[in-house]
Amino acid sequence: MAEIVNLITLEEGVKLITTAGATVELVENPKDGVWVFAKYVIHPDDPSLVGTEDMFFAQDIMEVLK
């Protein structure tokens, strides 16, 4: 089982991999550790989402890209 990413420490601009396989860029972080707003950079199943923003919960984030 993958560990949950600590959202509190993430800064705007960091890129993340979601459980859906999408790459997103963090655009707003309320720093509550529960959710963040991010913009799709890559979405393998629905390219029309690229450039749009969505809310992501901690369990939706698999990895922080370095």
C-alpha atoms as a PDB file:
ATOM      1  CA  MET A   1       0.000   0.000   0.000  1.00  0.00           C
ATOM      2  CA  ALA A   2       1.347   3.424  -0.954  1.00  0.00           C
ATOM      3  CA  GLU A   3       1.863   6.038   1.724  1.00  0.00           C
ATOM      4  CA  ILE A   4      -0.350   9.107   1.728  1.00  0.00           C
ATOM      5  CA  VAL A   5       1.506  12.253   0.651  1.00  0.00           C
ATOM      6  CA  ASN A   6       1.667  14.959   3.343  1.00  0.00           C
ATOM      7  CA  LEU A   7      -0.193  17.789   1.599  1.00  0.00           C
ATOM      8  CA  ILE A   8       0.583  20.342   4.329  1.00  0.00           C
ATOM      9  CA  THR A   9       4.219  20.612   3.208  1.00  0.00           C
ATOM     10  CA  LEU A  10       3.553  21.039  -0.526  1.00  0.00           C
ATOM     11  CA  GLU A  11       4.125  24.410  -2.184  1.00  0.00           C
ATOM     12  CA  GLU A  12       2.406  25.820  -5.252  1.00  0.00           C
ATOM     13  CA  GLY A  13       4.058  24.772  -8.514  1.00  0.00           C
ATOM     14  CA  VAL A  14       5.041  21.255  -7.438  1.00  0.00           C
ATOM     15  CA  LYS A  15       3.998  18.475  -9.824  1.00  0.00           C
ATOM     16  CA  LEU A  16       2.119  15.441  -8.544  1.00  0.00           C
ATOM     17  CA  ILE A  17       1.052  12.048  -9.899  1.00  0.00           C
ATOM     18  CA  THR A  18      -2.548  11.079  -9.155  1.00  0.00           C
ATOM     19  CA  THR A  19      -4.037   7.636  -8.620  1.00  0.00           C
ATOM     20  CA  ALA A  20      -5.677   8.038 -12.053  1.00  0.00           C
ATOM     21  CA  GLY A  21      -2.221   8.307 -13.651  1.00  0.00           C
ATOM     22  CA  ALA A  22      -2.520  12.031 -14.353  1.00  0.00           C
ATOM     23  CA  THR A  23       0.215  14.592 -13.768  1.00  0.00           C
ATOM     24  CA  VAL A  24      -1.026  17.767 -12.100  1.00  0.00           C
ATOM     25  CA  GLU A  25       0.573  21.025 -10.962  1.00  0.00           C
ATOM     26  CA  LEU A  26      -0.393  22.370  -7.540  1.00  0.00           C
ATOM     27  CA  VAL A  27      -2.009  25.812  -7.864  1.00  0.00           C
ATOM     28  CA  GLU A  28      -3.524  26.351  -4.404  1.00  0.00           C
ATOM     29  CA  ASN A  29      -2.930  24.670  -1.068  1.00  0.00           C
ATOM     30  CA  PRO A  30      -5.091  25.563   1.940  1.00  0.00           C
ATOM     31  CA  LYS A  31      -2.505  23.625   4.028  1.00  0.00           C
ATOM     32  CA  ASP A  32      -5.157  21.686   5.908  1.00  0.00           C
ATOM     33  CA  GLY A  33      -3.631  18.351   4.865  1.00  0.00           C
ATOM     34  CA  VAL A  34      -6.885  17.151   3.348  1.00  0.00           C
ATOM     35  CA  TRP A  35      -7.058  18.560  -0.194  1.00  0.00           C
ATOM     36  CA  VAL A  36      -5.384  20.831  -2.766  1.00  0.00           C
ATOM     37  CA  PHE A  37      -6.313  22.491  -6.051  1.00  0.00           C
ATOM     38  CA  ALA A  38      -4.209  21.470  -9.029  1.00  0.00           C
ATOM     39  CA  LYS A  39      -4.149  21.929 -12.802  1.00  0.00           C
ATOM     40  CA  TYR A  40      -3.927  18.941 -15.128  1.00  0.00           C
ATOM     41  CA  VAL A  41      -0.658  18.830 -17.079  1.00  0.00           C
ATOM     42  CA  ILE A  42      -1.155  15.305 -18.467  1.00  0.00           C
ATOM     43  CA  HIS A  43      -4.246  13.097 -18.305  1.00  0.00           C
ATOM     44  CA  PRO A  44      -3.816   9.748 -20.094  1.00  0.00           C
ATOM     45  CA  ASP A  45      -7.539   8.914 -20.237  1.00  0.00           C
ATOM     46  CA  ASP A  46      -9.003  12.350 -21.016  1.00  0.00           C
ATOM     47  CA  PRO A  47      -6.683  14.844 -22.759  1.00  0.00           C
ATOM     48  CA  SER A  48      -9.497  17.426 -22.754  1.00  0.00           C
ATOM     49  CA  LEU A  49      -8.825  17.938 -19.017  1.00  0.00           C
ATOM     50  CA  VAL A  50      -5.302  19.285 -19.646  1.00  0.00           C
ATOM     51  CA  GLY A  51      -5.162  22.895 -18.462  1.00  0.00           C
ATOM     52  CA  THR A  52      -8.255  22.594 -16.263  1.00  0.00           C
ATOM     53  CA  GLU A  53      -8.203  22.747 -12.466  1.00  0.00           C
ATOM     54  CA  ASP A  54      -9.719  20.306 -10.016  1.00  0.00           C
ATOM     55  CA  MET A  55      -9.730  19.497  -6.301  1.00  0.00           C
ATOM     56  CA  PHE A  56      -7.617  16.536  -5.178  1.00  0.00           C
ATOM     57  CA  PHE A  57      -7.801  14.828  -1.804  1.00  0.00           C
ATOM     58  CA  ALA A  58      -4.746  13.316  -0.104  1.00  0.00           C
ATOM     59  CA  GLN A  59      -5.781   9.798  -1.116  1.00  0.00           C
ATOM     60  CA  ASP A  60      -5.840  10.924  -4.792  1.00  0.00           C
ATOM     61  CA  ILE A  61      -2.108  11.748  -4.768  1.00  0.00           C
ATOM     62  CA  MET A  62       0.374   8.912  -5.313  1.00  0.00           C
ATOM     63  CA  GLU A  63       3.680  10.713  -5.708  1.00  0.00           C
ATOM     64  CA  VAL A  64       5.428  14.078  -5.636  1.00  0.00           C
ATOM     65  CA  LEU A  65       7.664  14.576  -8.677  1.00  0.00           C
ATOM     66  CA  LYS A  66      11.143  15.904  -7.972  1.00  0.00           C
END
